[in-house]
Amino acid sequence: MDKSLVERLADCVGQIEEFSQRISRIQAGEIQHQARFGDGPWEDITAIVLTHYEDMLENYKYFAEDLRRRIDKGEG
């Protein structure tokens, strides 16, 4: 069964909150991310992850706004 627009909006709001918290924790220095490529050394990829989270946050904000407009128009 498909989710209603309101349920989808609630899911988006949850994701927005999650990405906002992750971004805040990275910016506060509470979380760092590292990766190892091949046999090389561990490298700090925190900036890359932060950019990814910021992009995802913007996407979810856009989706939420679209869902809100559709709900306001009376779509199901």
Protein backbone atom coordinates (compact mmCIF):
# COMPACT_ATOMS: atom_id res chain seq x y z
CA MET A 1 0.00 0.00 0.00
CA ASP A 2 1.29 3.45 -0.94
CA LYS A 3 1.90 6.01 1.77
CA SER A 4 -0.25 9.12 1.88
CA LEU A 5 1.29 12.51 1.17
CA VAL A 6 1.07 13.34 4.87
CA GLU A 7 2.96 10.16 5.78
CA ARG A 8 5.58 10.92 3.15
CA LEU A 9 5.90 14.47 4.51
CA ALA A 10 6.37 13.09 8.02
CA ASP A 11 9.13 10.81 6.69
CA CYS A 12 10.82 13.81 5.04
CA VAL A 13 10.65 15.81 8.26
CA GLY A 14 12.29 12.90 10.07
CA GLN A 15 15.09 12.79 7.52
CA ILE A 16 15.52 16.58 7.71
CA GLU A 17 15.92 16.32 11.48
CA GLU A 18 18.37 13.42 11.15
CA PHE A 19 20.60 15.17 8.60
CA SER A 20 20.44 18.43 10.59
CA GLN A 21 21.66 16.60 13.69
CA ARG A 22 24.44 14.85 11.80
CA ILE A 23 25.59 18.14 10.26
CA SER A 24 25.56 19.86 13.65
CA ARG A 25 27.61 17.08 15.24
CA ILE A 26 30.20 17.20 12.46
CA GLN A 27 30.42 21.01 12.65
CA ALA A 28 30.83 20.79 16.43
CA GLY A 29 33.73 18.35 15.95
CA GLU A 30 31.89 15.50 17.67
CA ILE A 31 32.08 13.22 14.63
CA GLN A 32 34.83 12.60 12.11
CA HIS A 33 34.83 10.25 9.16
CA GLN A 34 37.77 8.36 7.75
CA ALA A 35 38.18 6.04 4.82
CA ARG A 36 40.94 3.86 3.52
CA PHE A 37 41.35 3.57 -0.22
CA GLY A 38 43.05 0.37 -1.32
CA ASP A 39 46.19 -0.28 0.70
CA GLY A 40 46.72 3.39 1.41
CA PRO A 41 46.55 5.15 4.74
CA TRP A 42 43.38 6.19 6.50
CA GLU A 43 42.25 9.59 5.26
CA ASP A 44 39.95 12.16 6.80
CA ILE A 45 36.85 12.43 4.60
CA THR A 46 34.78 14.48 7.06
CA ALA A 47 34.46 17.41 4.63
CA ILE A 48 33.21 15.08 1.88
CA VAL A 49 30.63 13.50 4.19
CA LEU A 50 29.54 16.92 5.46
CA THR A 51 28.96 18.11 1.89
CA HIS A 52 26.97 14.96 1.15
CA TYR A 53 24.78 15.46 4.24
CA GLU A 54 24.23 19.13 3.35
CA ASP A 55 23.18 18.13 -0.17
CA MET A 56 20.83 15.47 1.17
CA LEU A 57 19.33 17.97 3.64
CA GLU A 58 18.59 20.40 0.81
CA ASN A 59 17.02 17.60 -1.25
CA TYR A 60 14.74 16.56 1.61
CA LYS A 61 13.76 20.20 2.24
CA TYR A 62 12.81 20.48 -1.43
CA PHE A 63 10.81 17.23 -1.29
CA ALA A 64 9.04 18.36 1.90
CA GLU A 65 8.10 21.70 0.36
CA ASP A 66 6.74 19.96 -2.74
CA LEU A 67 4.70 17.57 -0.61
CA ARG A 68 3.39 20.47 1.48
CA ARG A 69 2.26 22.32 -1.67
CA ARG A 70 0.53 19.19 -2.94
CA ILE A 71 -1.22 18.68 0.40
CA ASP A 72 -2.31 22.35 0.42
CA LYS A 73 -3.79 21.87 -3.07
CA GLY A 74 -5.84 18.96 -1.75
CA GLU A 75 -3.99 16.18 -3.53
CA GLY A 76 -4.35 12.80 -1.90
